[in-house]
Amino acid sequence: MNTPKQQRAVVLFAHGSRDPLWHRPVEAVARTLTLAQPDLQVRCAYLELSTPDLATACRDLIEAGCRLISVVPLFLGVGRHAREDLPLLVEALRAQYPAVEFTLKPAVGEDPRLVALLADIASE
């Protein structure tokens, strides 16, 4: 018997801002990811000052049938939000939705590929 393929999703998680122009890079990453992987559900979510928050974005994905959700912190530095606040938010989601697998990825600023790209850009 074939089991249905579980729908995967990625939530791009950023700090948030009242300034609508601040959202452009986050939304550009979402568009690029969606174009590259059309079957992947992609949402943006924000810690504060912007909507949707993480809980709302994840609820919408779960209602759409997603059961494998990766949360990708779009933080360059790993401060208190990435170290403390975000893990607590993800744990609350795991408790609320035990049938969903949540994966919390490392902050993008910890990825050596991004560090190298930023160094290349700075050196031009």
PDB file of N, CA and C in Angstrom:
ATOM      1  N   MET A   1       0.841  -1.186   0.000  1.00  0.00           N
ATOM      2  CA  MET A   1       0.000   0.000   0.000  1.00  0.00           C
ATOM      3  C   MET A   1       0.883   1.246   0.000  1.00  0.00           C
ATOM      4  N   ASN A   2       0.603   2.168  -0.863  1.00  0.00           N
ATOM      5  CA  ASN A   2       1.364   3.411  -0.927  1.00  0.00           C
ATOM      6  C   ASN A   2       0.825   4.412   0.071  1.00  0.00           C
ATOM      7  N   THR A   3       1.740   5.019   0.804  1.00  0.00           N
ATOM      8  CA  THR A   3       1.317   6.079   1.720  1.00  0.00           C
ATOM      9  C   THR A   3       1.489   7.411   1.013  1.00  0.00           C
ATOM     10  N   PRO A   4       0.613   8.371   1.274  1.00  0.00           N
ATOM     11  CA  PRO A   4       0.736   9.658   0.597  1.00  0.00           C
ATOM     12  C   PRO A   4       2.018  10.371   1.010  1.00  0.00           C
ATOM     13  N   LYS A   5       2.621  11.054   0.041  1.00  0.00           N
ATOM     14  CA  LYS A   5       3.830  11.828   0.316  1.00  0.00           C
ATOM     15  C   LYS A   5       3.470  12.998   1.224  1.00  0.00           C
ATOM     16  N   GLN A   6       4.255  13.161   2.283  1.00  0.00           N
ATOM     17  CA  GLN A   6       3.982  14.264   3.201  1.00  0.00           C
ATOM     18  C   GLN A   6       4.435  15.577   2.577  1.00  0.00           C
ATOM     19  N   GLN A   7       3.577  16.558   2.668  1.00  0.00           N
ATOM     20  CA  GLN A   7       3.895  17.872   2.111  1.00  0.00           C
ATOM     21  C   GLN A   7       4.909  18.577   2.998  1.00  0.00           C
ATOM     22  N   ARG A   8       5.988  19.050   2.353  1.00  0.00           N
ATOM     23  CA  ARG A   8       7.049  19.762   3.059  1.00  0.00           C
ATOM     24  C   ARG A   8       6.837  21.263   2.954  1.00  0.00           C
ATOM     25  N   ALA A   9       7.352  21.955   3.944  1.00  0.00           N
ATOM     26  CA  ALA A   9       7.256  23.405   3.951  1.00  0.00           C
ATOM     27  C   ALA A   9       8.496  24.003   4.593  1.00  0.00           C
ATOM     28  N   VAL A  10       8.764  25.248   4.216  1.00  0.00           N
ATOM     29  CA  VAL A  10       9.840  26.023   4.819  1.00  0.00           C
ATOM     30  C   VAL A  10       9.250  27.340   5.278  1.00  0.00           C
ATOM     31  N   VAL A  11       9.573  27.700   6.515  1.00  0.00           N
ATOM     32  CA  VAL A  11       9.215  29.019   7.029  1.00  0.00           C
ATOM     33  C   VAL A  11      10.506  29.810   7.170  1.00  0.00           C
ATOM     34  N   LEU A  12      10.578  30.911   6.450  1.00  0.00           N
ATOM     35  CA  LEU A  12      11.708  31.828   6.555  1.00  0.00           C
ATOM     36  C   LEU A  12      11.392  32.789   7.688  1.00  0.00           C
ATOM     37  N   PHE A  13      12.146  32.671   8.762  1.00  0.00           N
ATOM     38  CA  PHE A  13      11.846  33.415   9.990  1.00  0.00           C
ATOM     39  C   PHE A  13      12.824  34.566  10.159  1.00  0.00           C
ATOM     40  N   ALA A  14      12.273  35.772  10.276  1.00  0.00           N
ATOM     41  CA  ALA A  14      13.107  36.962  10.431  1.00  0.00           C
ATOM     42  C   ALA A  14      12.581  37.802  11.590  1.00  0.00           C
ATOM     43  N   HIS A  15      13.349  38.822  11.945  1.00  0.00           N
ATOM     44  CA  HIS A  15      12.987  39.651  13.096  1.00  0.00           C
ATOM     45  C   HIS A  15      11.695  40.409  12.876  1.00  0.00           C
ATOM     46  N   GLY A  16      11.609  41.136  11.782  1.00  0.00           N
ATOM     47  CA  GLY A  16      10.443  41.966  11.515  1.00  0.00           C
ATOM     48  C   GLY A  16      10.771  43.437  11.670  1.00  0.00           C
ATOM     49  N   SER A  17       9.939  44.276  11.036  1.00  0.00           N
ATOM     50  CA  SER A  17      10.137  45.717  11.080  1.00  0.00           C
ATOM     51  C   SER A  17       8.830  46.400  10.705  1.00  0.00           C
ATOM     52  N   ARG A  18       8.656  47.608  11.186  1.00  0.00           N
ATOM     53  CA  ARG A  18       7.491  48.393  10.771  1.00  0.00           C
ATOM     54  C   ARG A  18       7.667  48.939   9.351  1.00  0.00           C
ATOM     55  N   ASP A  19       8.900  49.023   8.890  1.00  0.00           N
ATOM     56  CA  ASP A  19       9.207  49.566   7.577  1.00  0.00           C
ATOM     57  C   ASP A  19       8.940  48.503   6.500  1.00  0.00           C
ATOM     58  N   PRO A  20       7.987  48.736   5.604  1.00  0.00           N
ATOM     59  CA  PRO A  20       7.676  47.714   4.597  1.00  0.00           C
ATOM     60  C   PRO A  20       8.846  47.398   3.667  1.00  0.00           C
ATOM     61  N   LEU A  21       9.759  48.346   3.458  1.00  0.00           N
ATOM     62  CA  LEU A  21      10.916  48.075   2.605  1.00  0.00           C
ATOM     63  C   LEU A  21      11.855  47.042   3.226  1.00  0.00           C
ATOM     64  N   TRP A  22      11.855  46.938   4.551  1.00  0.00           N
ATOM     65  CA  TRP A  22      12.722  45.982   5.245  1.00  0.00           C
ATOM     66  C   TRP A  22      12.391  44.547   4.830  1.00  0.00           C
ATOM     67  N   HIS A  23      11.137  44.282   4.490  1.00  0.00           N
ATOM     68  CA  HIS A  23      10.683  42.921   4.172  1.00  0.00           C
ATOM     69  C   HIS A  23      11.159  42.416   2.805  1.00  0.00           C
ATOM     70  N   ARG A  24      11.578  43.319   1.944  1.00  0.00           N
ATOM     71  CA  ARG A  24      11.901  42.932   0.567  1.00  0.00           C
ATOM     72  C   ARG A  24      12.905  41.788   0.443  1.00  0.00           C
ATOM     73  N   PRO A  25      14.035  41.804   1.152  1.00  0.00           N
ATOM     74  CA  PRO A  25      14.983  40.686   1.000  1.00  0.00           C
ATOM     75  C   PRO A  25      14.402  39.349   1.464  1.00  0.00           C
ATOM     76  N   VAL A  26      13.635  39.359   2.522  1.00  0.00           N
ATOM     77  CA  VAL A  26      13.032  38.119   3.022  1.00  0.00           C
ATOM     78  C   VAL A  26      12.055  37.571   1.991  1.00  0.00           C
ATOM     79  N   GLU A  27      11.228  38.452   1.457  1.00  0.00           N
ATOM     80  CA  GLU A  27      10.256  38.040   0.442  1.00  0.00           C
ATOM     81  C   GLU A  27      10.947  37.599  -0.846  1.00  0.00           C
ATOM     82  N   ALA A  28      12.092  38.198  -1.170  1.00  0.00           N
ATOM     83  CA  ALA A  28      12.848  37.782  -2.354  1.00  0.00           C
ATOM     84  C   ALA A  28      13.394  36.368  -2.184  1.00  0.00           C
ATOM     85  N   VAL A  29      13.859  36.037  -0.995  1.00  0.00           N
ATOM     86  CA  VAL A  29      14.313  34.666  -0.727  1.00  0.00           C
ATOM     87  C   VAL A  29      13.139  33.705  -0.894  1.00  0.00           C
ATOM     88  N   ALA A  30      11.978  34.063  -0.390  1.00  0.00           N
ATOM     89  CA  ALA A  30      10.794  33.204  -0.516  1.00  0.00           C
ATOM     90  C   ALA A  30      10.429  32.987  -1.985  1.00  0.00           C
ATOM     91  N   ARG A  31      10.436  34.049  -2.776  1.00  0.00           N
ATOM     92  CA  ARG A  31      10.107  33.918  -4.204  1.00  0.00           C
ATOM     93  C   ARG A  31      11.126  33.039  -4.927  1.00  0.00           C
ATOM     94  N   THR A  32      12.395  33.247  -4.632  1.00  0.00           N
ATOM     95  CA  THR A  32      13.444  32.465  -5.277  1.00  0.00           C
ATOM     96  C   THR A  32      13.319  30.985  -4.930  1.00  0.00           C
ATOM     97  N   LEU A  33      13.055  30.694  -3.677  1.00  0.00           N
ATOM     98  CA  LEU A  33      12.890  29.305  -3.238  1.00  0.00           C
ATOM     99  C   LEU A  33      11.665  28.671  -3.884  1.00  0.00           C
ATOM    100  N   THR A  34      10.582  29.413  -3.975  1.00  0.00           N
ATOM    101  CA  THR A  34       9.359  28.902  -4.592  1.00  0.00           C
ATOM    102  C   THR A  34       9.574  28.611  -6.074  1.00  0.00           C
ATOM    103  N   LEU A  35      10.299  29.486  -6.762  1.00  0.00           N
ATOM    104  CA  LEU A  35      10.586  29.248  -8.183  1.00  0.00           C
ATOM    105  C   LEU A  35      11.462  28.017  -8.374  1.00  0.00           C
ATOM    106  N   ALA A  36      12.420  27.836  -7.469  1.00  0.00           N
ATOM    107  CA  ALA A  36      13.344  26.702  -7.574  1.00  0.00           C
ATOM    108  C   ALA A  36      12.675  25.381  -7.220  1.00  0.00           C
ATOM    109  N   GLN A  37      11.728  25.427  -6.278  1.00  0.00           N
ATOM    110  CA  GLN A  37      11.064  24.206  -5.809  1.00  0.00           C
ATOM    111  C   GLN A  37       9.555  24.452  -5.721  1.00  0.00           C
ATOM    112  N   PRO A  38       8.853  24.406  -6.844  1.00  0.00           N
ATOM    113  CA  PRO A  38       7.429  24.760  -6.858  1.00  0.00           C
ATOM    114  C   PRO A  38       6.546  23.879  -5.971  1.00  0.00           C
ATOM    115  N   ASP A  39       6.968  22.661  -5.670  1.00  0.00           N
ATOM    116  CA  ASP A  39       6.164  21.786  -4.810  1.00  0.00           C
ATOM    117  C   ASP A  39       6.351  22.072  -3.328  1.00  0.00           C
ATOM    118  N   LEU A  40       7.316  22.901  -3.006  1.00  0.00           N
ATOM    119  CA  LEU A  40       7.608  23.236  -1.619  1.00  0.00           C
ATOM    120  C   LEU A  40       6.755  24.420  -1.194  1.00  0.00           C
ATOM    121  N   GLN A  41       6.071  24.288  -0.078  1.00  0.00           N
ATOM    122  CA  GLN A  41       5.317  25.400   0.481  1.00  0.00           C
ATOM    123  C   GLN A  41       6.301  26.312   1.214  1.00  0.00           C
ATOM    124  N   VAL A  42       6.272  27.608   0.928  1.00  0.00           N
ATOM    125  CA  VAL A  42       7.206  28.566   1.531  1.00  0.00           C
ATOM    126  C   VAL A  42       6.403  29.717   2.123  1.00  0.00           C
ATOM    127  N   ARG A  43       6.730  30.060   3.355  1.00  0.00           N
ATOM    128  CA  ARG A  43       6.094  31.196   4.018  1.00  0.00           C
ATOM    129  C   ARG A  43       7.160  32.020   4.732  1.00  0.00           C
ATOM    130  N   CYS A  44       6.872  33.296   4.892  1.00  0.00           N
ATOM    131  CA  CYS A  44       7.684  34.174   5.723  1.00  0.00           C
ATOM    132  C   CYS A  44       6.963  34.339   7.054  1.00  0.00           C
ATOM    133  N   ALA A  45       7.725  34.471   8.126  1.00  0.00           N
ATOM    134  CA  ALA A  45       7.156  34.725   9.456  1.00  0.00           C
ATOM    135  C   ALA A  45       8.129  35.618  10.211  1.00  0.00           C
ATOM    136  N   TYR A  46       7.579  36.333  11.183  1.00  0.00           N
ATOM    137  CA  TYR A  46       8.382  37.347  11.871  1.00  0.00           C
ATOM    138  C   TYR A  46       8.198  37.255  13.379  1.00  0.00           C
ATOM    139  N   LEU A  47       9.269  37.609  14.077  1.00  0.00           N
ATOM    140  CA  LEU A  47       9.258  37.579  15.536  1.00  0.00           C
ATOM    141  C   LEU A  47       8.403  38.702  16.097  1.00  0.00           C
ATOM    142  N   GLU A  48       8.565  39.897  15.552  1.00  0.00           N
ATOM    143  CA  GLU A  48       7.807  41.036  16.069  1.00  0.00           C
ATOM    144  C   GLU A  48       7.727  42.127  15.009  1.00  0.00           C
ATOM    145  N   LEU A  49       6.841  43.053  15.215  1.00  0.00           N
ATOM    146  CA  LEU A  49       6.669  44.243  14.386  1.00  0.00           C
ATOM    147  C   LEU A  49       6.123  43.969  12.996  1.00  0.00           C
ATOM    148  N   SER A  50       5.913  42.720  12.623  1.00  0.00           N
ATOM    149  CA  SER A  50       5.417  42.335  11.306  1.00  0.00           C
ATOM    150  C   SER A  50       4.518  41.118  11.440  1.00  0.00           C
ATOM    151  N   THR A  51       3.735  40.898  10.419  1.00  0.00           N
ATOM    152  CA  THR A  51       2.891  39.706  10.377  1.00  0.00           C
ATOM    153  C   THR A  51       3.178  38.954   9.086  1.00  0.00           C
ATOM    154  N   PRO A  52       2.963  37.646   9.103  1.00  0.00           N
ATOM    155  CA  PRO A  52       2.436  36.841  10.204  1.00  0.00           C
ATOM    156  C   PRO A  52       3.534  36.456  11.191  1.00  0.00           C
ATOM    157  N   ASP A  53       3.118  36.056  12.377  1.00  0.00           N
ATOM    158  CA  ASP A  53       4.079  35.496  13.319  1.00  0.00           C
ATOM    159  C   ASP A  53       4.280  34.016  12.991  1.00  0.00           C
ATOM    160  N   LEU A  54       5.186  33.372  13.694  1.00  0.00           N
ATOM    161  CA  LEU A  54       5.527  31.982  13.393  1.00  0.00           C
ATOM    162  C   LEU A  54       4.334  31.055  13.580  1.00  0.00           C
ATOM    163  N   ALA A  55       3.587  31.231  14.662  1.00  0.00           N
ATOM    164  CA  ALA A  55       2.450  30.362  14.932  1.00  0.00           C
ATOM    165  C   ALA A  55       1.406  30.456  13.824  1.00  0.00           C
ATOM    166  N   THR A  56       1.135  31.656  13.348  1.00  0.00           N
ATOM    167  CA  THR A  56       0.139  31.837  12.295  1.00  0.00           C
ATOM    168  C   THR A  56       0.602  31.216  10.976  1.00  0.00           C
ATOM    169  N   ALA A  57       1.856  31.458  10.608  1.00  0.00           N
ATOM    170  CA  ALA A  57       2.382  30.887   9.365  1.00  0.00           C
ATOM    171  C   ALA A  57       2.338  29.360   9.414  1.00  0.00           C
ATOM    172  N   CYS A  58       2.728  28.776  10.549  1.00  0.00           N
ATOM    173  CA  CYS A  58       2.718  27.316  10.678  1.00  0.00           C
ATOM    174  C   CYS A  58       1.291  26.765  10.682  1.00  0.00           C
ATOM    175  N   ARG A  59       0.387  27.448  11.350  1.00  0.00           N
ATOM    176  CA  ARG A  59      -1.014  26.993  11.352  1.00  0.00           C
ATOM    177  C   ARG A  59      -1.548  26.955   9.922  1.00  0.00           C
ATOM    178  N   ASP A  60      -1.268  27.980   9.148  1.00  0.00           N
ATOM    179  CA  ASP A  60      -1.728  28.010   7.760  1.00  0.00           C
ATOM    180  C   ASP A  60      -1.137  26.857   6.952  1.00  0.00           C
ATOM    181  N   LEU A  61       0.130  26.560   7.160  1.00  0.00           N
ATOM    182  CA  LEU A  61       0.769  25.447   6.455  1.00  0.00           C
ATOM    183  C   LEU A  61       0.167  24.105   6.870  1.00  0.00           C
ATOM    184  N   ILE A  62      -0.086  23.941   8.147  1.00  0.00           N
ATOM    185  CA  ILE A  62      -0.674  22.690   8.648  1.00  0.00           C
ATOM    186  C   ILE A  62      -2.077  22.516   8.091  1.00  0.00           C
ATOM    187  N   GLU A  63      -2.844  23.592   8.057  1.00  0.00           N
ATOM    188  CA  GLU A  63      -4.184  23.529   7.479  1.00  0.00           C
ATOM    189  C   GLU A  63      -4.144  23.186   5.990  1.00  0.00           C
ATOM    190  N   ALA A  64      -3.025  23.515   5.326  1.00  0.00           N
ATOM    191  CA  ALA A  64      -2.848  23.182   3.913  1.00  0.00           C
ATOM    192  C   ALA A  64      -2.305  21.762   3.721  1.00  0.00           C
ATOM    193  N   GLY A  65      -2.090  21.036   4.816  1.00  0.00           N
ATOM    194  CA  GLY A  65      -1.661  19.650   4.725  1.00  0.00           C
ATOM    195  C   GLY A  65      -0.191  19.396   4.969  1.00  0.00           C
ATOM    196  N   CYS A  66       0.576  20.391   5.316  1.00  0.00           N
ATOM    197  CA  CYS A  66       2.013  20.198   5.556  1.00  0.00           C
ATOM    198  C   CYS A  66       2.236  19.493   6.889  1.00  0.00           C
ATOM    199  N   ARG A  67       3.127  18.519   6.870  1.00  0.00           N
ATOM    200  CA  ARG A  67       3.456  17.779   8.087  1.00  0.00           C
ATOM    201  C   ARG A  67       4.949  17.765   8.381  1.00  0.00           C
ATOM    202  N   LEU A  68       5.735  18.339   7.486  1.00  0.00           N
ATOM    203  CA  LEU A  68       7.182  18.464   7.660  1.00  0.00           C
ATOM    204  C   LEU A  68       7.530  19.927   7.452  1.00  0.00           C
ATOM    205  N   ILE A  69       7.812  20.641   8.535  1.00  0.00           N
ATOM    206  CA  ILE A  69       8.040  22.075   8.453  1.00  0.00           C
ATOM    207  C   ILE A  69       9.430  22.410   8.987  1.00  0.00           C
ATOM    208  N   SER A  70      10.238  23.014   8.114  1.00  0.00           N
ATOM    209  CA  SER A  70      11.558  23.497   8.514  1.00  0.00           C
ATOM    210  C   SER A  70      11.467  24.995   8.767  1.00  0.00           C
ATOM    211  N   VAL A  71      12.020  25.422   9.889  1.00  0.00           N
ATOM    212  CA  VAL A  71      12.069  26.844  10.225  1.00  0.00           C
ATOM    213  C   VAL A  71      13.513  27.296  10.024  1.00  0.00           C
ATOM    214  N   VAL A  72      13.688  28.262   9.126  1.00  0.00           N
ATOM    215  CA  VAL A  72      15.015  28.748   8.774  1.00  0.00           C
ATOM    216  C   VAL A  72      15.167  30.180   9.290  1.00  0.00           C
ATOM    217  N   PRO A  73      15.970  30.380  10.335  1.00  0.00           N
ATOM    218  CA  PRO A  73      16.175  31.738  10.858  1.00  0.00           C
ATOM    219  C   PRO A  73      17.058  32.557   9.917  1.00  0.00           C
ATOM    220  N   LEU A  74      16.498  33.629   9.397  1.00  0.00           N
ATOM    221  CA  LEU A  74      17.262  34.520   8.525  1.00  0.00           C
ATOM    222  C   LEU A  74      17.944  35.594   9.362  1.00  0.00           C
ATOM    223  N   PHE A  75      18.807  35.124  10.262  1.00  0.00           N
ATOM    224  CA  PHE A  75      19.581  36.000  11.137  1.00  0.00           C
ATOM    225  C   PHE A  75      21.052  35.854  10.778  1.00  0.00           C
ATOM    226  N   LEU A  76      21.756  36.988  10.660  1.00  0.00           N
ATOM    227  CA  LEU A  76      23.194  36.922  10.436  1.00  0.00           C
ATOM    228  C   LEU A  76      23.923  36.595  11.729  1.00  0.00           C
ATOM    229  N   GLY A  77      23.520  37.226  12.807  1.00  0.00           N
ATOM    230  CA  GLY A  77      24.114  36.965  14.110  1.00  0.00           C
ATOM    231  C   GLY A  77      23.205  36.056  14.928  1.00  0.00           C
ATOM    232  N   VAL A  78      23.818  35.316  15.821  1.00  0.00           N
ATOM    233  CA  VAL A  78      23.053  34.399  16.655  1.00  0.00           C
ATOM    234  C   VAL A  78      22.936  35.022  18.044  1.00  0.00           C
ATOM    235  N   GLY A  79      22.023  35.945  18.153  1.00  0.00           N
ATOM    236  CA  GLY A  79      21.773  36.611  19.427  1.00  0.00           C
ATOM    237  C   GLY A  79      20.687  35.907  20.210  1.00  0.00           C
ATOM    238  N   ARG A  80      20.158  36.619  21.175  1.00  0.00           N
ATOM    239  CA  ARG A  80      19.149  36.056  22.079  1.00  0.00           C
ATOM    240  C   ARG A  80      17.921  35.537  21.332  1.00  0.00           C
ATOM    241  N   HIS A  81      17.489  36.243  20.299  1.00  0.00           N
ATOM    242  CA  HIS A  81      16.305  35.790  19.565  1.00  0.00           C
ATOM    243  C   HIS A  81      16.525  34.399  18.963  1.00  0.00           C
ATOM    244  N   ALA A  82      17.667  34.202  18.327  1.00  0.00           N
ATOM    245  CA  ALA A  82      17.957  32.907  17.698  1.00  0.00           C
ATOM    246  C   ALA A  82      18.279  31.832  18.728  1.00  0.00           C
ATOM    247  N   ARG A  83      18.973  32.200  19.800  1.00  0.00           N
ATOM    248  CA  ARG A  83      19.393  31.217  20.808  1.00  0.00           C
ATOM    249  C   ARG A  83      18.279  30.838  21.772  1.00  0.00           C
ATOM    250  N   GLU A  84      17.434  31.801  22.137  1.00  0.00           N
ATOM    251  CA  GLU A  84      16.463  31.558  23.203  1.00  0.00           C
ATOM    252  C   GLU A  84      15.017  31.649  22.736  1.00  0.00           C
ATOM    253  N   ASP A  85      14.650  32.766  22.116  1.00  0.00           N
ATOM    254  CA  ASP A  85      13.243  32.988  21.767  1.00  0.00           C
ATOM    255  C   ASP A  85      12.729  31.991  20.734  1.00  0.00           C
ATOM    256  N   LEU A  86      13.451  31.831  19.636  1.00  0.00           N
ATOM    257  CA  LEU A  86      12.984  30.955  18.571  1.00  0.00           C
ATOM    258  C   LEU A  86      12.866  29.493  19.003  1.00  0.00           C
ATOM    259  N   PRO A  87      13.845  28.912  19.698  1.00  0.00           N
ATOM    260  CA  PRO A  87      13.663  27.529  20.147  1.00  0.00           C
ATOM    261  C   PRO A  87      12.417  27.342  21.023  1.00  0.00           C
ATOM    262  N   LEU A  88      12.100  28.328  21.851  1.00  0.00           N
ATOM    263  CA  LEU A  88      10.890  28.235  22.674  1.00  0.00           C
ATOM    264  C   LEU A  88       9.631  28.264  21.811  1.00  0.00           C
ATOM    265  N   LEU A  89       9.621  29.091  20.792  1.00  0.00           N
ATOM    266  CA  LEU A  89       8.470  29.148  19.887  1.00  0.00           C
ATOM    267  C   LEU A  89       8.283  27.816  19.158  1.00  0.00           C
ATOM    268  N   VAL A  90       9.378  27.217  18.711  1.00  0.00           N
ATOM    269  CA  VAL A  90       9.296  25.941  18.001  1.00  0.00           C
ATOM    270  C   VAL A  90       8.845  24.834  18.948  1.00  0.00           C
ATOM    271  N   GLU A  91       9.335  24.830  20.174  1.00  0.00           N
ATOM    272  CA  GLU A  91       8.887  23.825  21.150  1.00  0.00           C
ATOM    273  C   GLU A  91       7.388  23.944  21.413  1.00  0.00           C
ATOM    274  N   ALA A  92       6.881  25.166  21.485  1.00  0.00           N
ATOM    275  CA  ALA A  92       5.439  25.361  21.678  1.00  0.00           C
ATOM    276  C   ALA A  92       4.664  24.797  20.489  1.00  0.00           C
ATOM    277  N   LEU A  93       5.183  24.973  19.286  1.00  0.00           N
ATOM    278  CA  LEU A  93       4.521  24.406  18.105  1.00  0.00           C
ATOM    279  C   LEU A  93       4.538  22.886  18.142  1.00  0.00           C
ATOM    280  N   ARG A  94       5.650  22.309  18.544  1.00  0.00           N
ATOM    281  CA  ARG A  94       5.738  20.842  18.646  1.00  0.00           C
ATOM    282  C   ARG A  94       4.722  20.306  19.642  1.00  0.00           C
ATOM    283  N   ALA A  95       4.539  21.015  20.744  1.00  0.00           N
ATOM    284  CA  ALA A  95       3.560  20.590  21.749  1.00  0.00           C
ATOM    285  C   ALA A  95       2.135  20.736  21.214  1.00  0.00           C
ATOM    286  N   GLN A  96       1.885  21.790  20.487  1.00  0.00           N
ATOM    287  CA  GLN A  96       0.545  22.047  19.968  1.00  0.00           C
ATOM    288  C   GLN A  96       0.182  21.125  18.805  1.00  0.00           C
ATOM    289  N   TYR A  97       1.179  20.750  17.997  1.00  0.00           N
ATOM    290  CA  TYR A  97       0.942  19.924  16.803  1.00  0.00           C
ATOM    291  C   TYR A  97       1.858  18.699  16.825  1.00  0.00           C
ATOM    292  N   PRO A  98       1.569  17.727  17.672  1.00  0.00           N
ATOM    293  CA  PRO A  98       2.472  16.570  17.803  1.00  0.00           C
ATOM    294  C   PRO A  98       2.570  15.705  16.546  1.00  0.00           C
ATOM    295  N   ALA A  99       1.623  15.805  15.632  1.00  0.00           N
ATOM    296  CA  ALA A  99       1.672  15.017  14.401  1.00  0.00           C
ATOM    297  C   ALA A  99       2.526  15.670  13.314  1.00  0.00           C
ATOM    298  N   VAL A 100       3.053  16.855  13.605  1.00  0.00           N
ATOM    299  CA  VAL A 100       3.861  17.588  12.629  1.00  0.00           C
ATOM    300  C   VAL A 100       5.318  17.550  13.065  1.00  0.00           C
ATOM    301  N   GLU A 101       6.193  17.325  12.098  1.00  0.00           N
ATOM    302  CA  GLU A 101       7.637  17.329  12.388  1.00  0.00           C
ATOM    303  C   GLU A 101       8.193  18.718  12.088  1.00  0.00           C
ATOM    304  N   PHE A 102       8.661  19.391  13.127  1.00  0.00           N
ATOM    305  CA  PHE A 102       9.271  20.716  12.999  1.00  0.00           C
ATOM    306  C   PHE A 102      10.784  20.565  13.112  1.00  0.00           C
ATOM    307  N   THR A 103      11.501  21.135  12.166  1.00  0.00           N
ATOM    308  CA  THR A 103      12.956  21.146  12.199  1.00  0.00           C
ATOM    309  C   THR A 103      13.408  22.598  12.285  1.00  0.00           C
ATOM    310  N   LEU A 104      14.191  22.898  13.293  1.00  0.00           N
ATOM    311  CA  LEU A 104      14.746  24.240  13.442  1.00  0.00           C
ATOM    312  C   LEU A 104      16.165  24.225  12.888  1.00  0.00           C
ATOM    313  N   LYS A 105      16.350  24.917  11.795  1.00  0.00           N
ATOM    314  CA  LYS A 105      17.659  24.981  11.136  1.00  0.00           C
ATOM    315  C   LYS A 105      18.546  26.009  11.842  1.00  0.00           C
ATOM    316  N   PRO A 106      19.867  25.919  11.659  1.00  0.00           N
ATOM    317  CA  PRO A 106      20.764  26.948  12.204  1.00  0.00           C
ATOM    318  C   PRO A 106      20.519  28.288  11.506  1.00  0.00           C
ATOM    319  N   ALA A 107      20.844  29.359  12.181  1.00  0.00           N
ATOM    320  CA  ALA A 107      20.736  30.683  11.576  1.00  0.00           C
ATOM    321  C   ALA A 107      21.617  30.743  10.330  1.00  0.00           C
ATOM    322  N   VAL A 108      21.132  31.414   9.299  1.00  0.00           N
ATOM    323  CA  VAL A 108      21.875  31.457   8.034  1.00  0.00           C
ATOM    324  C   VAL A 108      23.256  32.081   8.203  1.00  0.00           C
ATOM    325  N   GLY A 109      23.420  32.964   9.166  1.00  0.00           N
ATOM    326  CA  GLY A 109      24.712  33.598   9.402  1.00  0.00           C
ATOM    327  C   GLY A 109      25.778  32.629   9.880  1.00  0.00           C
ATOM    328  N   GLU A 110      25.380  31.432  10.297  1.00  0.00           N
ATOM    329  CA  GLU A 110      26.345  30.410  10.719  1.00  0.00           C
ATOM    330  C   GLU A 110      26.818  29.547   9.552  1.00  0.00           C
ATOM    331  N   ASP A 111      26.203  29.699   8.391  1.00  0.00           N
ATOM    332  CA  ASP A 111      26.550  28.864   7.243  1.00  0.00           C
ATOM    333  C   ASP A 111      27.786  29.426   6.553  1.00  0.00           C
ATOM    334  N   PRO A 112      28.856  28.629   6.429  1.00  0.00           N
ATOM    335  CA  PRO A 112      30.088  29.126   5.811  1.00  0.00           C
ATOM    336  C   PRO A 112      29.890  29.586   4.367  1.00  0.00           C
ATOM    337  N   ARG A 113      28.889  29.053   3.664  1.00  0.00           N
ATOM    338  CA  ARG A 113      28.630  29.494   2.287  1.00  0.00           C
ATOM    339  C   ARG A 113      28.179  30.951   2.265  1.00  0.00           C
ATOM    340  N   LEU A 114      27.341  31.329   3.225  1.00  0.00           N
ATOM    341  CA  LEU A 114      26.883  32.715   3.281  1.00  0.00           C
ATOM    342  C   LEU A 114      28.024  33.632   3.704  1.00  0.00           C
ATOM    343  N   VAL A 115      28.812  33.192   4.662  1.00  0.00           N
ATOM    344  CA  VAL A 115      29.967  33.992   5.095  1.00  0.00           C
ATOM    345  C   VAL A 115      30.897  34.246   3.905  1.00  0.00           C
ATOM    346  N   ALA A 116      31.165  33.216   3.115  1.00  0.00           N
ATOM    347  CA  ALA A 116      32.035  33.367   1.948  1.00  0.00           C
ATOM    348  C   ALA A 116      31.410  34.305   0.927  1.00  0.00           C
ATOM    349  N   LEU A 117      30.110  34.193   0.696  1.00  0.00           N
ATOM    350  CA  LEU A 117      29.438  35.071  -0.254  1.00  0.00           C
ATOM    351  C   LEU A 117      29.489  36.511   0.202  1.00  0.00           C
ATOM    352  N   LEU A 118      29.258  36.762   1.482  1.00  0.00           N
ATOM    353  CA  LEU A 118      29.333  38.119   2.013  1.00  0.00           C
ATOM    354  C   LEU A 118      30.742  38.680   1.881  1.00  0.00           C
ATOM    355  N   ALA A 119      31.744  37.846   2.104  1.00  0.00           N
ATOM    356  CA  ALA A 119      33.136  38.303   1.944  1.00  0.00           C
ATOM    357  C   ALA A 119      33.418  38.642   0.482  1.00  0.00           C
ATOM    358  N   ASP A 120      32.896  37.822  -0.450  1.00  0.00           N
ATOM    359  CA  ASP A 120      33.073  38.106  -1.873  1.00  0.00           C
ATOM    360  C   ASP A 120      32.417  39.437  -2.241  1.00  0.00           C
ATOM    361  N   ILE A 121      31.220  39.658  -1.764  1.00  0.00           N
ATOM    362  CA  ILE A 121      30.516  40.910  -2.056  1.00  0.00           C
ATOM    363  C   ILE A 121      31.285  42.094  -1.482  1.00  0.00           C
ATOM    364  N   ALA A 122      31.772  41.954  -0.258  1.00  0.00           N
ATOM    365  CA  ALA A 122      32.496  43.051   0.393  1.00  0.00           C
ATOM    366  C   ALA A 122      33.812  43.358  -0.314  1.00  0.00           C
ATOM    367  N   SER A 123      34.415  42.360  -0.930  1.00  0.00           N
ATOM    368  CA  SER A 123      35.722  42.566  -1.551  1.00  0.00           C
ATOM    369  C   SER A 123      35.628  43.191  -2.938  1.00  0.00           C
ATOM    370  N   GLU A 124      34.452  43.286  -3.508  1.00  0.00           N
ATOM    371  CA  GLU A 124      34.314  43.844  -4.870  1.00  0.00           C
ATOM    372  C   GLU A 124      34.532  45.333  -4.881  1.00  0.00           C
TER     373      GLU A 124
END
